[in-house]
Protein backbone atom coordinates (compact mmCIF):
# COMPACT_ATOMS: atom_id res chain seq x y z
CA MET A 1 -0.02 -0.06 0.01
CA PHE A 2 2.78 2.47 0.91
CA TRP A 3 4.67 1.88 -2.28
CA TRP A 4 1.66 3.27 -4.24
CA ILE A 5 2.01 6.43 -2.26
CA SER A 6 5.76 6.56 -2.88
CA LEU A 7 5.21 5.99 -6.58
CA ILE A 8 2.60 8.74 -6.78
CA VAL A 9 4.88 11.18 -4.89
CA SER A 10 7.84 10.38 -7.07
CA LEU A 11 5.89 10.78 -10.28
CA THR A 12 4.34 14.01 -9.23
CA ALA A 13 7.66 15.42 -8.16
CA SER A 14 9.22 14.47 -11.49
CA TRP A 15 6.27 15.92 -13.45
CA ILE A 16 6.48 19.21 -11.62
CA GLY A 17 10.23 19.35 -11.94
CA TYR A 18 10.16 18.75 -15.71
CA GLY A 19 7.54 21.35 -16.35
CA ALA A 20 8.99 24.01 -14.10
CA ALA A 21 12.46 23.58 -15.63
CA ARG A 22 11.23 23.63 -19.17
CA ARG A 23 9.09 26.64 -18.60
CA PHE A 24 11.84 28.45 -16.75
CA VAL A 25 14.38 27.91 -19.54
CA ARG A 26 11.96 28.80 -22.30
CA GLU A 27 10.63 32.01 -20.66
CA ARG A 28 13.28 33.40 -18.36
CA LEU A 29 16.58 32.03 -19.73
CA ARG A 30 15.79 32.51 -23.35
CA TYR A 31 18.64 35.01 -23.86
CA VAL A 32 21.26 33.35 -21.56
CA GLU A 33 23.74 31.66 -23.76
CA SER A 34 25.11 29.26 -21.17
CA ALA A 35 21.61 27.85 -20.50
CA LEU A 36 21.42 26.61 -24.03
CA THR A 37 24.69 24.69 -24.02
CA PRO A 38 24.84 20.88 -23.98
CA GLY A 39 26.23 20.78 -20.43
CA ALA A 40 23.46 22.77 -18.78
CA PRO A 41 20.97 19.91 -18.43
CA LEU A 42 23.67 17.76 -16.73
CA LEU A 43 24.48 20.52 -14.30
CA ALA A 44 20.82 21.16 -13.58
CA ALA A 45 20.08 17.47 -13.05
CA VAL A 46 23.10 17.09 -10.60
CA GLY A 47 22.03 20.21 -8.78
CA ALA A 48 18.36 19.28 -8.45
CA ALA A 49 19.28 15.82 -7.15
CA VAL A 50 21.64 17.18 -4.64
CA LEU A 51 19.13 19.76 -3.39
CA ALA A 52 16.36 17.17 -3.22
CA ALA A 53 18.40 14.54 -1.35
CA PRO A 54 18.13 16.17 2.14
CA ILE A 55 14.41 16.67 1.69
CA VAL A 56 13.95 13.05 0.63
CA TRP A 57 15.94 11.83 3.53
CA LEU A 58 13.57 13.49 5.91
CA LEU A 59 10.40 12.04 4.51
CA PRO A 60 9.71 8.51 5.66
CA LEU A 61 7.78 7.17 2.66
CA ILE A 62 10.09 8.06 -0.26
CA GLY A 63 13.69 7.05 -0.91
CA GLY A 64 16.73 8.19 -2.78
CA GLY A 65 15.25 7.09 -6.09
CA THR A 66 12.80 9.90 -5.90
CA ALA A 67 15.64 12.45 -5.66
CA LEU A 68 17.35 10.81 -8.65
CA ALA A 69 14.07 10.81 -10.64
CA PHE A 70 13.54 14.45 -9.78
CA GLY A 71 17.08 15.28 -10.94
CA VAL A 72 16.72 13.46 -14.16
CA SER A 73 13.36 15.10 -14.90
CA VAL A 74 14.77 18.61 -14.26
CA GLY A 75 17.70 17.84 -16.66
CA LEU A 76 15.34 16.64 -19.27
CA GLY A 77 13.21 19.75 -18.74
CA VAL A 78 16.17 22.01 -19.19
CA ARG A 79 17.03 20.25 -22.39
CA ALA A 80 13.49 20.43 -23.73
CA GLY A 81 13.30 24.11 -22.84
CA ALA A 82 16.61 24.82 -24.58
CA SER A 83 15.46 23.00 -27.71
CA ASP A 84 12.20 25.00 -27.54
CA VAL A 85 14.26 28.22 -27.63
CA LYS A 86 16.41 27.06 -30.45
CA ARG A 87 13.38 26.10 -32.54
CA GLY A 88 11.71 29.39 -31.79
CA TYR A 89 8.73 27.95 -29.86
CA LEU A 90 7.14 30.64 -27.70
CA VAL A 91 4.10 30.40 -25.46
CA SER A 92 1.67 33.29 -25.98
CA SER A 93 -0.44 34.83 -23.25
CA GLY A 94 -3.65 33.90 -25.08
CA SER A 95 -4.46 37.39 -26.37
């Protein structure tokens, strides 16, 4: 039963991490040259995993795999956001 909760927490954290990183790179770091380099996703993934590790360590139901999954999802989000910028994909405000 508890592994379902762990899985849902891990998937939710990964989904939020991917979306936030992609949106942040696409909207805020559009003109930052170093954010569009091939090494930026790796640096973001390691940083996110390191920052998530103490938080995961404090929570009883989730383990270190959640921090790793969060780090990977942030790295993939940064890569997707950088490719969006390179392709010229912009999100409009709807007006």
